[in-house]
Protein backbone atom coordinates (compact mmCIF):
# COMPACT_ATOMS: atom_id res chain seq x y z
CA MET A 1 0.00 0.00 0.00
CA ASP A 2 1.39 3.41 -0.98
CA LYS A 3 2.46 5.99 1.56
CA ILE A 4 3.67 9.57 1.34
CA VAL A 5 6.87 10.66 3.06
CA ILE A 6 7.35 14.36 3.86
CA ARG A 7 10.28 16.22 5.37
CA GLY A 8 8.77 19.49 6.52
CA GLY A 9 10.04 23.02 6.89
CA ASN A 10 10.21 24.27 3.30
CA PRO A 11 8.08 27.29 2.35
CA LEU A 12 6.16 26.74 -0.89
CA HIS A 13 6.91 29.05 -3.82
CA GLY A 14 5.58 28.68 -7.35
CA THR A 15 2.43 27.82 -9.24
CA ILE A 16 -0.06 25.03 -8.58
CA PRO A 17 -2.66 24.31 -11.30
CA ILE A 18 -6.16 23.65 -9.96
CA CYS A 19 -8.07 20.74 -11.51
CA GLY A 20 -11.71 20.41 -12.38
CA ALA A 21 -13.92 19.53 -9.44
CA LYS A 22 -14.53 15.84 -8.84
CA ASN A 23 -17.83 16.63 -7.12
CA ALA A 24 -18.97 18.51 -10.21
CA ALA A 25 -17.65 15.97 -12.71
CA LEU A 26 -19.49 12.97 -11.25
CA PRO A 27 -23.06 14.32 -11.67
CA LEU A 28 -22.08 15.75 -15.07
CA MET A 29 -21.03 12.30 -16.21
CA ALA A 30 -24.35 10.88 -14.97
CA ALA A 31 -26.15 13.60 -16.96
CA ALA A 32 -25.01 11.88 -20.16
CA LEU A 33 -27.72 9.27 -19.44
CA LEU A 34 -30.38 11.91 -20.15
CA SER A 35 -29.67 12.13 -23.88
CA ASP A 36 -29.06 9.89 -26.88
CA GLU A 37 -26.57 12.45 -28.21
CA PRO A 38 -22.94 12.80 -27.09
CA LEU A 39 -21.99 14.94 -24.09
CA ARG A 40 -18.43 16.30 -24.24
CA LEU A 41 -16.95 17.12 -20.85
CA SER A 42 -13.57 18.83 -20.56
CA ASN A 43 -11.41 19.71 -17.53
CA LEU A 44 -12.09 16.33 -15.93
CA PRO A 45 -9.66 15.43 -13.13
CA HIS A 46 -7.73 12.17 -13.33
CA LEU A 47 -9.00 10.54 -10.14
CA ALA A 48 -10.11 7.15 -8.89
CA ASP A 49 -13.75 8.23 -8.46
CA ILE A 50 -13.90 9.47 -12.06
CA SER A 51 -12.61 6.10 -13.25
CA THR A 52 -15.20 4.32 -11.10
CA MET A 53 -18.04 6.38 -12.57
CA ALA A 54 -16.70 5.77 -16.09
CA HIS A 55 -16.60 2.04 -15.36
CA LEU A 56 -20.17 2.12 -14.02
CA LEU A 57 -21.52 4.00 -17.05
CA GLY A 58 -19.55 1.79 -19.42
CA ASP A 59 -21.01 -1.30 -17.76
CA MET A 60 -24.48 0.03 -18.58
CA GLY A 61 -23.55 0.56 -22.22
CA VAL A 62 -22.47 4.19 -22.32
CA SER A 63 -19.72 4.70 -24.90
CA ILE A 64 -16.88 6.79 -23.48
CA ALA A 65 -14.13 8.13 -25.73
CA MET A 66 -11.17 10.00 -24.28
CA ASP A 67 -10.00 13.03 -26.24
CA GLY A 68 -6.54 13.11 -24.65
CA ASP A 69 -5.38 15.65 -22.08
CA ALA A 70 -6.88 18.40 -24.18
CA GLN A 71 -7.26 22.08 -23.42
CA ASP A 72 -10.45 24.04 -24.07
CA GLY A 73 -10.29 27.81 -23.66
CA GLY A 74 -7.55 27.60 -21.06
CA HIS A 75 -9.06 24.68 -19.18
CA MET A 76 -6.80 21.71 -18.69
CA GLY A 77 -7.60 18.16 -17.80
CA ARG A 78 -8.98 15.11 -19.50
CA VAL A 79 -11.80 15.27 -22.03
CA PHE A 80 -14.50 12.58 -22.19
CA VAL A 81 -17.13 12.21 -24.87
CA LEU A 82 -20.00 10.19 -23.37
CA ASP A 83 -22.66 8.67 -25.63
CA ALA A 84 -25.63 6.90 -24.01
CA SER A 85 -27.51 6.20 -27.25
CA GLY A 86 -26.66 2.50 -27.03
CA LEU A 87 -27.59 1.96 -23.39
CA LYS A 88 -28.06 -1.76 -22.75
CA SER A 89 -28.81 -1.85 -19.04
CA THR A 90 -30.52 0.28 -16.40
CA THR A 91 -28.92 -1.62 -13.53
CA ALA A 92 -26.10 -0.18 -11.43
CA PRO A 93 -24.60 -3.24 -9.70
CA TYR A 94 -23.36 -3.42 -6.13
CA GLU A 95 -19.83 -4.37 -7.22
CA LEU A 96 -19.39 -0.87 -8.70
CA VAL A 97 -21.75 1.25 -6.60
CA ARG A 98 -20.15 0.12 -3.32
CA ARG A 99 -16.93 1.91 -4.26
CA MET A 100 -18.50 5.35 -4.40
CA ARG A 101 -21.66 6.87 -2.92
CA ALA A 102 -21.99 9.28 -5.86
CA SER A 103 -23.09 6.33 -7.99
CA ILE A 104 -26.63 6.99 -6.71
CA LEU A 105 -26.66 9.91 -9.17
CA VAL A 106 -27.51 7.57 -12.05
CA LEU A 107 -30.92 6.87 -10.48
CA GLY A 108 -32.71 10.08 -11.49
CA PRO A 109 -31.47 10.18 -15.10
CA LEU A 110 -32.22 6.48 -15.72
CA LEU A 111 -35.70 6.76 -14.28
CA ALA A 112 -36.50 9.97 -16.19
CA ARG A 113 -35.38 8.77 -19.60
CA HIS A 114 -36.08 5.03 -19.48
CA GLY A 115 -38.85 4.73 -16.90
CA HIS A 116 -37.03 2.21 -14.75
CA ALA A 117 -33.79 1.79 -12.83
CA ARG A 118 -32.23 -0.79 -10.52
CA VAL A 119 -29.50 0.77 -8.43
CA SER A 120 -27.65 -0.79 -5.52
CA LEU A 121 -27.84 1.07 -2.23
CA PRO A 122 -24.54 2.97 -1.99
CA GLY A 123 -22.04 1.07 0.08
CA GLY A 124 -24.81 -1.24 1.23
CA CYS A 125 -26.07 1.54 3.52
CA ALA A 126 -29.37 1.22 5.37
CA ILE A 127 -32.27 3.48 4.48
CA GLY A 128 -33.35 5.79 7.29
CA THR A 129 -31.54 8.94 8.23
CA ARG A 130 -29.04 8.53 5.41
CA PRO A 131 -29.33 11.20 2.69
CA VAL A 132 -30.32 8.64 0.02
CA ASP A 133 -33.74 8.51 1.66
CA LEU A 134 -34.30 12.12 0.57
CA HIS A 135 -33.62 11.14 -3.06
CA LEU A 136 -36.23 8.39 -2.96
CA LYS A 137 -38.94 10.46 -1.27
CA ALA A 138 -38.45 13.21 -3.84
CA LEU A 139 -38.73 10.77 -6.75
CA GLN A 140 -41.91 9.34 -5.22
CA THR A 141 -43.30 12.87 -5.15
CA MET A 142 -42.76 12.88 -8.92
CA GLY A 143 -44.70 9.66 -9.37
CA ALA A 144 -41.99 7.03 -9.11
CA GLN A 145 -42.81 3.62 -7.67
CA ILE A 146 -39.93 2.53 -5.46
CA GLU A 147 -39.24 -0.73 -3.67
CA LEU A 148 -36.20 -1.94 -1.79
CA SER A 149 -35.22 -5.51 -2.56
CA GLU A 150 -32.06 -7.43 -1.69
CA GLY A 151 -29.99 -4.29 -1.26
CA TYR A 152 -31.24 -2.65 -4.46
CA ILE A 153 -33.47 0.32 -5.20
CA GLU A 154 -36.09 -0.87 -7.71
CA ALA A 155 -37.61 2.25 -9.27
CA HIS A 156 -40.32 2.39 -11.92
CA ALA A 157 -42.16 5.18 -13.71
CA PRO A 158 -43.86 3.36 -16.62
CA ASN A 159 -45.70 6.49 -17.74
CA GLY A 160 -42.76 8.79 -17.08
CA LEU A 161 -42.15 11.16 -14.19
CA SER A 162 -44.49 14.08 -13.49
CA GLY A 163 -43.57 17.49 -12.20
CA GLY A 164 -44.24 18.17 -8.55
CA HIS A 165 -43.24 20.24 -5.55
CA VAL A 166 -40.15 18.73 -3.91
CA LEU A 167 -39.28 20.18 -0.52
CA PHE A 168 -36.09 18.77 0.98
CA SER A 169 -36.26 18.58 4.77
CA ASN A 170 -32.47 18.92 4.85
CA ILE A 171 -30.17 20.46 2.29
CA THR A 172 -28.72 17.65 0.17
CA VAL A 173 -26.30 18.23 -2.67
CA GLY A 174 -26.68 14.78 -4.21
CA GLY A 175 -30.44 14.83 -3.76
CA THR A 176 -30.71 18.22 -5.47
CA GLU A 177 -28.59 16.98 -8.36
CA ASN A 178 -30.52 13.74 -8.76
CA ILE A 179 -33.93 15.44 -8.77
CA LEU A 180 -32.73 18.29 -10.97
CA MET A 181 -31.63 15.80 -13.64
CA ALA A 182 -34.84 13.79 -13.32
CA ALA A 183 -36.99 16.92 -13.57
CA THR A 184 -35.54 17.95 -16.94
CA LEU A 185 -37.47 15.13 -18.66
CA ALA A 186 -40.52 15.05 -16.35
CA LYS A 187 -43.95 16.16 -17.55
CA GLY A 188 -44.80 19.70 -16.45
CA GLU A 189 -43.10 21.88 -13.86
CA THR A 190 -41.01 20.68 -10.95
CA ILE A 191 -40.20 23.02 -8.07
CA ILE A 192 -37.22 22.02 -5.91
CA ALA A 193 -37.33 23.91 -2.62
CA ASN A 194 -34.52 24.08 -0.05
CA ALA A 195 -32.20 23.12 -2.91
CA ALA A 196 -28.44 22.99 -2.42
CA ARG A 197 -26.63 26.04 -3.82
CA GLU A 198 -23.11 24.61 -4.13
CA PRO A 199 -21.05 25.62 -7.19
CA GLU A 200 -21.15 21.98 -8.31
CA VAL A 201 -24.97 22.11 -8.43
CA ILE A 202 -24.80 25.37 -10.39
CA ASP A 203 -22.31 23.81 -12.80
CA LEU A 204 -24.64 20.86 -13.41
CA ALA A 205 -27.58 23.20 -14.01
CA HIS A 206 -25.63 25.21 -16.58
CA CYS A 207 -24.65 22.01 -18.41
CA LEU A 208 -28.26 20.80 -18.43
CA VAL A 209 -29.36 24.15 -19.89
CA SER A 210 -26.74 23.69 -22.61
CA MET A 211 -28.39 20.32 -23.32
CA GLY A 212 -31.79 21.99 -23.75
CA ALA A 213 -33.21 21.91 -20.22
CA LYS A 214 -35.39 24.76 -18.95
CA ILE A 215 -34.26 25.74 -15.47
CA GLU A 216 -34.91 28.93 -13.51
CA GLY A 217 -33.46 30.01 -10.16
CA ILE A 218 -29.96 28.65 -10.75
CA GLY A 219 -27.81 29.57 -7.75
CA THR A 220 -30.78 30.04 -5.42
CA ASP A 221 -32.48 27.66 -2.99
CA THR A 222 -35.54 27.29 -5.24
CA LEU A 223 -35.18 25.70 -8.67
CA ARG A 224 -38.02 25.68 -11.21
CA VAL A 225 -37.70 23.14 -13.98
CA GLN A 226 -40.01 22.91 -16.99
CA GLY A 227 -39.76 19.38 -18.36
CA VAL A 228 -38.90 18.87 -22.02
CA ASP A 229 -39.39 15.87 -24.28
CA LYS A 230 -35.74 15.42 -25.12
CA LEU A 231 -32.26 16.72 -24.31
CA HIS A 232 -29.51 17.03 -26.90
CA GLY A 233 -25.75 16.82 -26.79
CA ALA A 234 -23.51 19.62 -25.52
CA LYS A 235 -19.98 20.68 -24.64
CA HIS A 236 -19.15 21.68 -21.10
CA ALA A 237 -16.01 22.44 -19.08
CA VAL A 238 -16.07 21.25 -15.45
CA VAL A 239 -15.81 24.03 -12.86
CA VAL A 240 -12.53 24.21 -10.92
CA ASP A 241 -12.23 22.33 -7.63
CA ARG A 242 -12.80 24.79 -4.77
CA ILE A 243 -11.69 22.27 -2.13
CA GLU A 244 -8.42 21.53 -3.92
CA MET A 245 -7.93 25.28 -4.22
CA GLY A 246 -8.60 25.79 -0.50
CA SER A 247 -6.29 22.93 0.47
CA TYR A 248 -3.35 24.38 -1.44
CA ALA A 249 -4.15 27.85 -0.07
CA VAL A 250 -3.66 26.42 3.43
CA ALA A 251 -0.45 24.71 2.28
CA ALA A 252 0.97 28.05 1.11
CA ALA A 253 -0.11 29.83 4.29
CA VAL A 254 1.02 27.22 6.80
CA THR A 255 4.51 27.01 5.28
CA GLY A 256 4.97 30.77 4.98
CA GLY A 257 5.03 30.59 1.21
CA ASP A 258 3.88 32.42 -1.92
CA VAL A 259 1.84 30.35 -4.37
CA LEU A 260 -0.32 31.15 -7.40
CA LEU A 261 -3.31 28.82 -7.59
CA LYS A 262 -3.59 28.74 -11.38
CA GLY A 263 -7.16 28.76 -12.63
CA GLY A 264 -8.51 29.27 -9.12
CA ARG A 265 -11.62 31.36 -8.50
CA ALA A 266 -11.92 33.32 -5.27
CA ASP A 267 -15.71 33.60 -5.61
CA LEU A 268 -16.04 29.84 -5.06
CA ILE A 269 -14.45 29.88 -1.59
CA GLU A 270 -15.25 33.33 -0.20
CA SER A 271 -16.05 31.89 3.23
CA VAL A 272 -12.64 30.20 3.45
CA ILE A 273 -10.80 33.25 2.16
CA ASN A 274 -12.51 35.49 4.71
CA VAL A 275 -11.42 33.25 7.59
CA MET A 276 -7.85 32.99 6.25
CA ARG A 277 -7.57 36.73 5.76
CA GLY A 278 -8.78 37.20 9.33
CA ALA A 279 -5.93 34.92 10.40
CA GLY A 280 -3.42 37.21 8.67
CA VAL A 281 -2.98 35.42 5.34
CA GLU A 282 -2.70 37.58 2.22
CA ILE A 283 -4.96 36.38 -0.60
CA THR A 284 -5.38 38.30 -3.86
CA GLU A 285 -7.02 37.65 -7.20
CA GLU A 286 -4.83 37.82 -10.29
CA PRO A 287 -5.61 37.35 -14.00
CA GLY A 288 -4.24 33.80 -13.87
CA GLY A 289 -5.88 32.71 -10.64
CA VAL A 290 -5.58 33.34 -6.89
CA ARG A 291 -2.32 34.16 -5.10
CA VAL A 292 -1.76 33.14 -1.47
CA ARG A 293 1.10 34.64 0.54
CA HIS A 294 2.06 34.50 4.17
CA LYS A 295 5.19 35.95 5.69
CA LYS A 296 6.81 34.47 8.75
CA SER A 297 4.68 36.60 11.08
CA ALA A 298 2.33 34.66 13.32
CA ILE A 299 -0.92 33.23 12.05
CA LEU A 300 -3.74 34.49 14.24
CA GLY A 301 -6.30 32.23 15.88
CA PHE A 302 -9.74 32.10 14.29
CA ASP A 303 -13.20 30.54 14.56
CA ALA A 304 -15.05 28.71 11.79
CA MET A 305 -18.36 26.83 11.66
CA THR A 306 -19.20 24.50 8.78
CA GLU A 307 -22.47 25.27 6.98
CA PRO A 308 -24.12 24.54 3.64
CA TYR A 309 -22.87 26.73 0.79
CA PRO A 310 -22.23 29.66 0.78
CA GLY A 311 -21.15 28.97 4.34
CA PHE A 312 -17.82 27.47 5.38
CA PRO A 313 -17.44 24.05 3.67
CA THR A 314 -17.19 20.92 5.78
CA ASP A 315 -14.62 19.61 3.30
CA MET A 316 -12.19 22.36 4.44
CA GLN A 317 -12.56 21.81 8.18
CA ALA A 318 -9.69 19.31 8.54
CA GLN A 319 -7.25 21.43 6.51
CA MET A 320 -8.07 24.57 8.47
CA MET A 321 -7.43 22.68 11.69
CA VAL A 322 -3.80 22.38 10.61
CA LEU A 323 -3.62 26.16 10.18
CA ALA A 324 -5.16 26.57 13.64
CA SER A 325 -2.63 24.12 15.10
CA VAL A 326 0.26 26.49 14.44
CA ALA A 327 -1.64 29.75 14.97
CA GLU A 328 -1.07 32.17 17.81
CA GLY A 329 -3.72 31.70 20.48
CA ALA A 330 -6.83 29.58 20.39
CA SER A 331 -9.19 28.71 17.55
CA MET A 332 -12.52 26.92 17.51
CA LEU A 333 -13.85 24.83 14.63
CA THR A 334 -17.45 23.66 14.81
CA GLU A 335 -18.77 20.88 12.57
CA THR A 336 -22.51 21.04 11.85
CA ILE A 337 -22.75 18.99 8.64
CA PHE A 338 -21.37 15.51 9.37
CA GLU A 339 -20.84 13.39 12.43
CA ASN A 340 -17.47 11.70 12.91
CA ARG A 341 -15.69 14.45 10.97
CA PHE A 342 -12.95 14.80 13.60
CA MET A 343 -11.20 11.49 12.92
CA HIS A 344 -8.04 13.38 11.91
CA VAL A 345 -7.71 14.89 15.39
CA PRO A 346 -5.89 11.95 17.08
CA GLU A 347 -3.38 11.86 14.21
CA LEU A 348 -2.70 15.61 14.43
CA VAL A 349 -2.28 15.23 18.21
CA ARG A 350 0.37 12.56 17.49
CA MET A 351 2.25 15.31 15.66
CA GLY A 352 2.09 17.63 18.66
CA ALA A 353 -1.12 19.57 18.01
CA ASN A 354 -3.10 20.72 21.05
CA ILE A 355 -6.72 19.89 20.22
CA ASN A 356 -9.66 19.15 22.50
CA VAL A 357 -12.97 18.00 21.06
CA HIS A 358 -16.21 18.88 22.85
CA GLY A 359 -19.19 17.44 21.01
CA ARG A 360 -19.31 19.07 17.59
CA SER A 361 -16.60 21.65 18.38
CA ALA A 362 -12.82 21.39 18.50
CA ILE A 363 -10.77 23.85 20.53
CA VAL A 364 -7.32 24.21 18.99
CA ARG A 365 -4.56 25.96 20.91
CA GLY A 366 -1.65 26.84 18.66
CA VAL A 367 1.76 25.33 19.37
CA PRO A 368 5.20 26.63 18.34
CA LYS A 369 5.88 23.61 16.16
CA LEU A 370 4.54 20.28 15.01
CA SER A 371 6.75 17.19 14.87
CA GLY A 372 6.92 14.55 12.17
CA ALA A 373 5.35 11.18 12.94
CA GLN A 374 3.82 8.05 11.46
CA VAL A 375 0.15 8.85 10.85
CA MET A 376 -2.85 7.08 9.31
CA ALA A 377 -5.34 8.63 6.90
CA THR A 378 -8.97 7.84 7.74
CA ASP A 379 -10.76 9.63 4.89
CA LEU A 380 -10.15 11.96 1.96
CA ARG A 381 -10.03 15.34 3.69
CA ALA A 382 -8.34 13.94 6.80
CA SER A 383 -5.55 12.60 4.61
CA SER A 384 -4.97 15.99 3.00
CA SER A 385 -4.78 17.61 6.45
CA LEU A 386 -2.04 15.18 7.46
CA VAL A 387 -0.04 16.06 4.36
CA LEU A 388 -0.41 19.77 5.21
CA ALA A 389 0.72 19.09 8.76
CA GLY A 390 3.73 17.20 7.41
CA LEU A 391 4.72 20.20 5.29
CA VAL A 392 5.13 22.40 8.36
CA ALA A 393 6.31 19.79 10.89
CA GLU A 394 9.91 19.33 11.95
CA GLY A 395 11.41 16.04 10.86
CA GLU A 396 9.84 13.28 8.80
CA THR A 397 6.13 12.53 8.50
CA VAL A 398 4.84 9.31 6.93
CA VAL A 399 1.20 9.35 5.85
CA ASN A 400 -0.18 5.84 5.46
CA ARG A 401 -3.29 4.68 3.56
CA VAL A 402 -3.04 7.45 0.99
CA TYR A 403 -5.49 5.75 -1.36
CA HIS A 404 -7.99 8.13 0.24
CA LEU A 405 -6.01 11.04 -1.23
CA ASP A 406 -6.19 9.60 -4.72
CA ARG A 407 -9.97 9.90 -4.62
CA GLY A 408 -9.81 13.70 -4.51
CA TYR A 409 -6.36 15.08 -5.36
CA GLU A 410 -4.63 14.60 -8.69
CA ARG A 411 -0.81 14.38 -8.53
CA LEU A 412 -0.72 16.05 -5.10
CA GLU A 413 2.87 15.14 -4.29
CA GLU A 414 4.07 16.29 -7.73
CA LYS A 415 2.36 19.67 -7.41
CA LEU A 416 3.77 20.26 -3.94
CA ALA A 417 7.27 19.09 -4.90
CA ALA A 418 7.27 21.51 -7.84
CA CYS A 419 6.86 24.34 -5.32
CA GLY A 420 9.75 23.23 -3.11
CA ALA A 421 8.20 20.67 -0.77
CA GLU A 422 10.34 17.67 0.14
CA ILE A 423 7.71 15.03 -0.50
CA GLU A 424 7.59 11.67 -2.24
CA ARG A 425 5.27 8.76 -2.75
CA VAL A 426 6.63 5.38 -1.73
CA ARG A 427 4.93 2.61 -3.66
CA GLY A 428 3.69 -0.33 -1.65
CA GLU A 429 4.62 -3.89 -2.44
CA GLY A 430 2.25 -5.78 -4.67
């Protein structure tokens, strides 16, 4: 199993290109199921989850052609041309769905266009308080008949879906995306209330409009969709990854560096930028992206509470905890989105961080230095926080189980090394 070895202490200087957002690319790939014409997606990141979704779609009969590592209008990344005209199956099997919860996003498009879908419960999870329950209730509001059988969602709409009023009891990004896609081909008008407003949802909506969908209220918490008979092909560039951008912004700040985040957009992470500026980090927009600088003066303590967009993103909480760990004074980070989102805390404590968790809040008292250690990644964002901690720690840090990283960060060690970090991936045996 691969691990990443870091010898900390080097300030980062240079340019880091920001990839397309994985969390935008996955629903965009599922959107190809809505049309019998090709959908061309550019700026796709080269990540394990993208490969899993491609495998899932390919298994159902979607033709996927790769147009190299092309560039469209300044966007970099891979280009896929997805053609679902020859779809041969509306089943998403457990063997593939279990690898990635985002696989549930094929449910809405399959049901809307073909009238039936058989999709494994993601990761074999139980229905109840899990967000997938919100997807199913919303589809039932639109006339879908849904049964759960042997770990699969069996969904039918023999006469097609009908528009309706969908009110989400909790904000759900995946649920909003699933119902938004389904509504584009439903009969009549669908109103999605308490809709997620994340940039990835906005990006999907813009792509659907390019395919011929009629959507109003994009970027707000109420989406109005007028169903159409058919969607056509389109070309779309995936929005840049705001979490990757925020992670590298913390890397530049915590090491006392100066880094241009090429292609970055400050408007996507205003909440993060505001907190970092309050901590004394200099962040400016430039024609080529976003520049992050921090001199060797002390980082100031700060408070942050995770909230749905446009609030502070839960996916940046672990990385910001590293910044708080070496700040002057105390900081408090409060997690309101997910339970068990503090699993990185014991590993940071192993490196000398002073962190106390009280319920959903973590009190972080800054220390003069962190020390390198053997640490274990528990999830995607936790693993990135350990890499950030290793960049600023004295001595050697070894981050184990980095397969989590590969789900969300493309060529992380290469990008950091190009800016002066002493970091390498050590390939595991076998």
